[in-house]
């Protein structure tokens, strides 16, 4: 299949039957369900109580900006492409998108439930729905990223990686927040297994895990403007993991490993590369990092980002081939920052100043490399 436009960051809303169908029988009587919330919208309940948060900004694709709602939408009010693979493909066809990687939503709760066997069952049920149902409609176009349990023991993590790879996964999701930092040697067997599979390992800015209170977490109790502040701040959250994993030598030890941070855009990357190079040269003699390779050599080889309508970033991609080599275009369907249904218009405008090679790389070629789609 020839790919001309790939979205490296699409999402779903799990359909109502996800857990009642895919959880083991012993858990189905307590399976999470979509219930009506106090605001009149629908949302996922994991404890049988009305949902704290209902569908809203995570499912507004197809609405004009003035009709965006933070919450309060029902299942009937959102596009079927949110939860149905065939409908998702139809929306991609409308938008001129050939393939998309699929990131999660409600199933992320499986990472933070105190009942860990139940939490693990939630993650596995989502993975089965994603790979066996949603993406099975056309797995060459719908590239599901199953959720890996990182805080439940290394054996559990490696077993689920092996299980989803056997189902055809080309990439996997790990939560942004983990109890053990990803640069810790604890994860070395995981990085080895991911590199050998091979599967791309993906995080999504501040999504997943036991997140500490941050300005990136929307709250109805936040001071005016703080929730909007969080929307902007989250675009800069790749700096931490990218810097830590690079300086601790991960990509020198695993030269074929692909690591992605989704929805962080691109405009910061050129400055980050400059700082990494400068400080590596100045500080490495006293800091003695387990790294012998200039950090910039991992950009576009091991480190990748997904990018939306980041005009500054695309200008940088025109100036610097290294920046272009790390960027994967995305539409963020069906979230509030989505380019749908004007993706072709945005793509043309964003890439107007790029040569054909860089344009093709960002719109599709880099994603083909990262997720082994050729």
Protein backbone atom coordinates (compact mmCIF):
# COMPACT_ATOMS: atom_id res chain seq x y z
CA UNK A 1 0.00 0.00 0.00
CA UNK A 2 1.26 3.48 -0.85
CA UNK A 3 0.86 5.93 2.01
CA UNK A 4 0.61 9.63 1.17
CA UNK A 5 -0.83 10.95 4.46
CA UNK A 6 -0.60 9.17 7.81
CA UNK A 7 -1.95 10.56 11.06
CA UNK A 8 0.45 9.53 13.80
CA UNK A 9 -2.04 10.46 16.51
CA UNK A 10 -5.71 9.48 16.32
CA UNK A 11 -7.86 8.49 19.29
CA UNK A 12 -11.00 6.54 20.04
CA UNK A 13 -13.81 6.45 22.57
CA UNK A 14 -14.30 2.87 23.67
CA UNK A 15 -17.78 1.62 22.65
CA UNK A 16 -20.27 0.53 25.34
CA UNK A 17 -19.65 -3.20 24.85
CA UNK A 18 -15.85 -3.06 25.22
CA UNK A 19 -15.53 -4.47 28.71
CA UNK A 20 -18.71 -6.52 28.95
CA UNK A 21 -17.48 -8.38 25.87
CA UNK A 22 -13.72 -8.56 26.32
CA UNK A 23 -13.18 -8.83 30.09
CA UNK A 24 -12.78 -12.35 31.51
CA UNK A 25 -16.08 -13.74 32.78
CA UNK A 26 -15.12 -13.36 36.43
CA UNK A 27 -14.97 -9.57 36.00
CA UNK A 28 -17.98 -8.93 33.79
CA UNK A 29 -20.40 -8.30 36.65
CA UNK A 30 -18.25 -5.29 37.61
CA UNK A 31 -17.31 -4.29 34.08
CA UNK A 32 -17.00 -0.53 33.46
CA UNK A 33 -20.06 0.91 31.74
CA UNK A 34 -21.08 4.10 30.00
CA UNK A 35 -23.54 5.93 32.25
CA UNK A 36 -25.34 9.27 32.18
CA UNK A 37 -23.62 11.99 34.18
CA UNK A 38 -25.03 14.87 36.21
CA UNK A 39 -24.41 17.25 33.28
CA UNK A 40 -26.58 15.16 30.96
CA UNK A 41 -23.65 13.71 29.06
CA UNK A 42 -22.36 10.14 28.89
CA UNK A 43 -19.10 8.92 30.32
CA UNK A 44 -17.31 5.83 31.48
CA UNK A 45 -17.95 4.65 35.04
CA UNK A 46 -15.49 2.24 36.63
CA UNK A 47 -17.24 2.01 40.01
CA UNK A 48 -20.96 1.92 39.14
CA UNK A 49 -21.43 5.57 40.10
CA UNK A 50 -22.32 8.38 37.67
CA UNK A 51 -19.18 9.38 35.76
CA UNK A 52 -17.13 12.25 37.09
CA UNK A 53 -16.26 13.33 33.55
CA UNK A 54 -18.47 12.92 30.50
CA UNK A 55 -17.61 13.05 26.82
CA UNK A 56 -16.65 16.48 25.55
CA UNK A 57 -13.39 17.84 24.21
CA UNK A 58 -12.18 14.29 23.61
CA UNK A 59 -14.96 13.68 21.08
CA UNK A 60 -15.83 16.94 19.32
CA UNK A 61 -14.64 16.11 15.79
CA UNK A 62 -17.11 17.38 13.20
CA UNK A 63 -18.37 20.26 15.37
CA UNK A 64 -17.66 23.93 14.68
CA UNK A 65 -15.38 25.53 17.26
CA UNK A 66 -18.24 27.51 18.79
CA UNK A 67 -20.02 24.23 19.59
CA UNK A 68 -17.10 22.68 21.47
CA UNK A 69 -18.04 21.51 24.96
CA UNK A 70 -15.67 20.54 27.76
CA UNK A 71 -18.13 17.79 28.71
CA UNK A 72 -21.81 16.92 28.52
CA UNK A 73 -22.00 15.05 25.20
CA UNK A 74 -23.90 11.78 24.82
CA UNK A 75 -22.90 8.79 22.72
CA UNK A 76 -25.59 9.77 20.23
CA UNK A 77 -24.04 13.23 19.80
CA UNK A 78 -20.54 12.10 18.83
CA UNK A 79 -19.38 10.74 15.50
CA UNK A 80 -19.50 6.93 15.15
CA UNK A 81 -15.88 7.15 14.04
CA UNK A 82 -15.05 7.65 17.71
CA UNK A 83 -15.80 4.03 18.50
CA UNK A 84 -16.36 2.06 15.27
CA UNK A 85 -13.48 1.03 13.01
CA UNK A 86 -15.46 1.12 9.78
CA UNK A 87 -16.83 4.60 10.55
CA UNK A 88 -13.36 5.75 11.58
CA UNK A 89 -12.05 4.69 8.17
CA UNK A 90 -14.86 6.57 6.44
CA UNK A 91 -13.89 9.75 8.28
CA UNK A 92 -10.26 9.14 7.29
CA UNK A 93 -11.37 8.76 3.67
CA UNK A 94 -13.27 12.04 3.90
CA UNK A 95 -10.14 13.68 5.28
CA UNK A 96 -7.69 12.13 2.81
CA UNK A 97 -5.84 10.13 5.48
CA UNK A 98 -4.44 6.77 4.41
CA UNK A 99 -3.53 5.34 7.83
CA UNK A 100 -3.58 6.33 11.50
CA UNK A 101 -2.09 5.19 14.77
CA UNK A 102 -4.76 4.73 17.43
CA UNK A 103 -4.26 6.02 20.98
CA UNK A 104 -6.56 5.18 23.94
CA UNK A 105 -8.93 7.07 26.21
CA UNK A 106 -10.98 5.62 29.10
CA UNK A 107 -9.02 2.37 29.30
CA UNK A 108 -6.11 4.34 30.74
CA UNK A 109 -7.97 4.01 34.05
CA UNK A 110 -6.64 0.46 34.14
CA UNK A 111 -3.25 1.90 35.06
CA UNK A 112 -4.43 3.55 38.27
CA UNK A 113 -6.97 1.14 39.80
CA UNK A 114 -5.93 -0.11 43.24
CA UNK A 115 -7.23 -3.59 42.39
CA UNK A 116 -4.31 -4.53 40.17
CA UNK A 117 -5.65 -7.83 38.80
CA UNK A 118 -8.77 -5.93 37.70
CA UNK A 119 -6.67 -3.09 36.31
CA UNK A 120 -4.61 -5.53 34.28
CA UNK A 121 -7.78 -7.17 33.00
CA UNK A 122 -9.01 -3.73 31.85
CA UNK A 123 -5.80 -3.11 29.91
CA UNK A 124 -5.89 -6.54 28.26
CA UNK A 125 -9.59 -6.23 27.41
CA UNK A 126 -8.92 -2.92 25.69
CA UNK A 127 -6.02 -4.44 23.77
CA UNK A 128 -8.21 -7.28 22.55
CA UNK A 129 -11.01 -4.93 21.49
CA UNK A 130 -8.51 -2.64 19.75
CA UNK A 131 -6.63 -5.30 17.80
CA UNK A 132 -9.32 -7.94 17.30
CA UNK A 133 -12.25 -5.64 16.50
CA UNK A 134 -11.56 -1.97 15.85
CA UNK A 135 -8.32 -2.27 13.86
CA UNK A 136 -9.19 -5.65 12.36
CA UNK A 137 -11.42 -3.81 9.87
CA UNK A 138 -8.21 -2.86 8.05
CA UNK A 139 -4.98 -3.36 10.03
CA UNK A 140 -2.87 -1.78 7.28
CA UNK A 141 -4.70 1.49 7.83
CA UNK A 142 -5.62 1.34 11.54
CA UNK A 143 -2.42 0.92 13.54
CA UNK A 144 -3.49 0.13 17.09
CA UNK A 145 -1.20 0.88 20.02
CA UNK A 146 -2.04 -1.61 22.79
CA UNK A 147 -1.53 -0.57 26.41
CA UNK A 148 1.39 -2.17 28.25
CA UNK A 149 1.31 -2.58 32.06
CA UNK A 150 4.56 -1.04 33.29
CA UNK A 151 3.96 -1.02 37.06
CA UNK A 152 2.89 -4.63 37.63
CA UNK A 153 6.15 -6.52 37.39
CA UNK A 154 8.58 -7.08 34.57
CA UNK A 155 7.24 -10.55 33.77
CA UNK A 156 3.73 -9.14 33.32
CA UNK A 157 5.03 -6.35 31.10
CA UNK A 158 7.05 -8.68 28.88
CA UNK A 159 4.22 -11.21 28.64
CA UNK A 160 1.74 -8.59 27.42
CA UNK A 161 4.27 -7.24 24.95
CA UNK A 162 4.74 -10.73 23.54
CA UNK A 163 0.97 -11.29 23.44
CA UNK A 164 0.13 -8.13 21.50
CA UNK A 165 3.05 -8.53 19.11
CA UNK A 166 1.67 -11.98 18.29
CA UNK A 167 -1.62 -10.23 17.43
CA UNK A 168 0.20 -8.00 14.95
CA UNK A 169 0.92 -4.83 16.96
CA UNK A 170 3.43 -2.53 15.25
CA UNK A 171 3.63 -0.11 18.14
CA UNK A 172 2.80 -0.11 21.85
CA UNK A 173 1.72 2.51 24.36
CA UNK A 174 3.31 3.07 27.76
CA UNK A 175 1.94 5.66 30.20
CA UNK A 176 3.69 8.99 30.54
CA UNK A 177 3.84 8.49 34.30
CA UNK A 178 5.40 5.32 35.72
CA UNK A 179 6.35 4.31 39.26
CA UNK A 180 9.85 3.39 38.11
CA UNK A 181 11.44 5.97 35.78
CA UNK A 182 11.89 4.71 32.25
CA UNK A 183 15.60 5.48 32.37
CA UNK A 184 16.04 2.96 35.22
CA UNK A 185 17.92 -0.25 34.42
CA UNK A 186 14.80 -2.15 35.54
CA UNK A 187 13.36 -1.65 32.05
CA UNK A 188 16.39 -2.94 30.14
CA UNK A 189 14.77 -6.31 29.26
CA UNK A 190 11.72 -4.44 27.99
CA UNK A 191 13.73 -2.14 25.74
CA UNK A 192 15.58 -5.16 24.39
CA UNK A 193 12.33 -7.00 23.65
CA UNK A 194 10.75 -3.95 21.99
CA UNK A 195 13.81 -3.41 19.82
CA UNK A 196 13.90 -7.05 18.78
CA UNK A 197 10.14 -7.34 18.08
CA UNK A 198 10.41 -4.68 16.56
CA UNK A 199 7.71 -2.32 17.82
CA UNK A 200 7.76 1.42 18.33
CA UNK A 201 7.30 2.46 21.96
CA UNK A 202 4.92 5.42 22.27
CA UNK A 203 3.98 7.85 24.98
CA UNK A 204 1.45 10.64 24.61
CA UNK A 205 2.51 13.84 26.34
CA UNK A 206 0.88 13.70 29.83
CA UNK A 207 -1.42 10.73 29.18
CA UNK A 208 -1.56 7.66 31.40
CA UNK A 209 -0.33 6.49 34.79
CA UNK A 210 -0.57 7.92 38.28
CA UNK A 211 -0.19 11.55 37.35
CA UNK A 212 0.79 13.99 40.10
CA UNK A 213 -1.24 17.21 40.25
CA UNK A 214 -0.07 19.45 37.41
CA UNK A 215 -1.35 22.39 35.43
CA UNK A 216 -1.74 19.96 32.54
CA UNK A 217 -4.63 18.25 34.32
CA UNK A 218 -7.97 19.98 33.59
CA UNK A 219 -10.01 20.65 36.70
CA UNK A 220 -13.38 22.36 37.20
CA UNK A 221 -11.91 23.93 40.36
CA UNK A 222 -8.92 25.52 38.63
CA UNK A 223 -8.48 29.28 38.58
CA UNK A 224 -9.72 31.02 35.44
CA UNK A 225 -7.32 30.42 32.58
CA UNK A 226 -5.38 27.60 34.22
CA UNK A 227 -7.08 24.84 32.23
CA UNK A 228 -6.26 26.70 29.02
CA UNK A 229 -2.72 27.13 30.32
CA UNK A 230 -2.47 23.36 30.68
CA UNK A 231 -3.51 22.82 27.06
CA UNK A 232 -0.47 24.85 25.97
CA UNK A 233 2.00 23.50 28.54
CA UNK A 234 1.46 19.91 27.48
CA UNK A 235 3.12 20.58 24.12
CA UNK A 236 6.46 20.91 25.93
CA UNK A 237 6.33 17.68 27.92
CA UNK A 238 8.60 15.64 25.64
CA UNK A 239 11.67 17.50 26.89
CA UNK A 240 11.89 15.46 30.11
CA UNK A 241 11.66 11.91 28.75
CA UNK A 242 13.64 12.67 25.58
CA UNK A 243 16.49 14.25 27.56
CA UNK A 244 16.60 11.58 30.25
CA UNK A 245 16.49 8.61 27.90
CA UNK A 246 19.13 10.14 25.64
CA UNK A 247 21.62 11.13 28.33
CA UNK A 248 21.26 7.77 30.12
CA UNK A 249 22.39 6.04 26.94
CA UNK A 250 19.22 4.16 26.00
CA UNK A 251 19.53 4.71 22.27
CA UNK A 252 23.24 4.01 22.21
CA UNK A 253 22.51 0.62 23.80
CA UNK A 254 19.47 0.03 21.56
CA UNK A 255 20.25 1.67 18.22
CA UNK A 256 17.17 0.24 16.44
CA UNK A 257 14.64 1.26 19.12
CA UNK A 258 12.00 3.79 18.05
CA UNK A 259 10.54 6.05 20.76
CA UNK A 260 7.62 8.40 20.05
CA UNK A 261 5.99 11.21 22.01
CA UNK A 262 2.64 12.09 20.45
CA UNK A 263 0.97 15.49 20.22
CA UNK A 264 3.94 17.54 21.37
CA UNK A 265 4.49 19.36 18.06
CA UNK A 266 7.82 20.44 16.68
CA UNK A 267 8.70 24.09 17.21
CA UNK A 268 10.69 23.42 20.39
CA UNK A 269 12.79 20.61 18.88
CA UNK A 270 15.51 22.65 17.16
CA UNK A 271 16.24 24.59 20.35
CA UNK A 272 16.26 21.34 22.35
CA UNK A 273 18.79 19.80 19.95
CA UNK A 274 20.99 22.88 20.33
CA UNK A 275 20.90 22.69 24.13
CA UNK A 276 21.54 18.93 24.18
CA UNK A 277 24.58 19.33 21.93
CA UNK A 278 25.98 22.32 23.84
CA UNK A 279 25.56 20.85 27.30
CA UNK A 280 26.82 17.41 26.26
CA UNK A 281 30.00 19.02 24.98
CA UNK A 282 30.43 21.32 28.00
CA UNK A 283 29.30 19.13 30.88
CA UNK A 284 30.00 15.50 29.94
CA UNK A 285 33.50 15.45 31.42
CA UNK A 286 32.29 16.01 34.97
CA UNK A 287 28.79 14.49 34.57
CA UNK A 288 30.18 11.32 32.98
CA UNK A 289 26.94 10.21 31.29
CA UNK A 290 26.88 6.68 29.79
CA UNK A 291 26.84 8.26 26.34
CA UNK A 292 29.57 8.65 23.74
CA UNK A 293 27.49 9.74 20.76
CA UNK A 294 26.40 13.35 20.17
CA UNK A 295 22.71 13.54 21.17
CA UNK A 296 21.59 14.95 17.84
CA UNK A 297 22.40 11.64 16.15
CA UNK A 298 19.39 10.02 17.82
CA UNK A 299 16.88 12.55 16.46
CA UNK A 300 14.96 11.07 13.56
CA UNK A 301 16.69 7.74 14.11
CA UNK A 302 15.34 6.83 17.54
CA UNK A 303 13.34 9.87 18.67
CA UNK A 304 10.14 11.02 16.97
CA UNK A 305 7.22 13.35 17.61
CA UNK A 306 3.77 13.78 16.13
CA UNK A 307 2.88 17.26 14.93
CA UNK A 308 -0.35 19.12 14.21
CA UNK A 309 -0.68 22.58 12.66
CA UNK A 310 2.64 23.80 14.07
CA UNK A 311 3.65 26.44 11.52
CA UNK A 312 6.83 27.35 13.42
CA UNK A 313 7.82 23.70 13.53
CA UNK A 314 7.24 23.19 9.82
CA UNK A 315 9.39 26.27 9.09
CA UNK A 316 12.15 24.69 11.17
CA UNK A 317 11.72 21.44 9.24
CA UNK A 318 12.38 23.42 6.07
CA UNK A 319 15.60 24.81 7.53
CA UNK A 320 16.91 21.68 9.25
CA UNK A 321 16.72 18.15 7.80
CA UNK A 322 17.20 16.71 11.29
CA UNK A 323 13.96 18.30 12.46
CA UNK A 324 12.14 17.03 9.39
CA UNK A 325 13.42 13.50 10.00
CA UNK A 326 11.77 13.34 13.45
CA UNK A 327 8.33 14.73 12.59
CA UNK A 328 5.20 12.69 11.91
CA UNK A 329 2.07 14.53 10.79
CA UNK A 330 -1.16 13.93 12.73
CA UNK A 331 -4.78 15.05 12.85
CA UNK A 332 -5.65 14.27 16.51
CA UNK A 333 -9.10 13.01 15.48
CA UNK A 334 -11.53 13.28 17.33
CA UNK A 335 -10.12 15.69 19.94
CA UNK A 336 -10.57 19.44 20.21
CA UNK A 337 -7.28 20.18 18.43
CA UNK A 338 -8.21 17.99 15.46
CA UNK A 339 -7.58 19.12 11.90
CA UNK A 340 -10.56 17.04 10.70
CA UNK A 341 -12.22 17.56 8.25
CA UNK A 342 -9.73 20.07 6.80
CA UNK A 343 -6.60 17.93 6.95
CA UNK A 344 -5.77 18.25 3.24
CA UNK A 345 -6.02 22.03 3.47
CA UNK A 346 -3.76 22.12 6.53
CA UNK A 347 -1.26 19.67 5.01
CA UNK A 348 -0.91 21.75 1.86
CA UNK A 349 -0.49 24.97 3.80
CA UNK A 350 1.98 23.55 6.33
CA UNK A 351 4.24 21.91 3.75
CA UNK A 352 4.14 24.64 1.11
CA UNK A 353 7.77 25.64 1.64
CA UNK A 354 9.16 22.10 1.97
CA UNK A 355 10.88 20.18 -0.79
CA UNK A 356 9.20 16.99 -1.95
CA UNK A 357 11.42 14.68 0.11
CA UNK A 358 10.78 16.46 3.41
CA UNK A 359 7.09 16.84 2.65
CA UNK A 360 6.73 13.13 1.97
CA UNK A 361 8.76 12.21 5.05
CA UNK A 362 6.64 14.26 7.43
CA UNK A 363 3.26 13.43 5.92
CA UNK A 364 3.89 9.68 5.72
CA UNK A 365 7.44 8.42 5.26
CA UNK A 366 8.66 8.85 8.82
CA UNK A 367 5.62 7.01 10.18
CA UNK A 368 6.23 4.19 7.69
CA UNK A 369 9.77 3.87 9.11
CA UNK A 370 8.72 4.07 12.74
CA UNK A 371 5.87 1.57 12.54
CA UNK A 372 7.36 -0.73 9.88
CA UNK A 373 4.46 -0.20 7.48
CA UNK A 374 6.33 -0.85 4.24
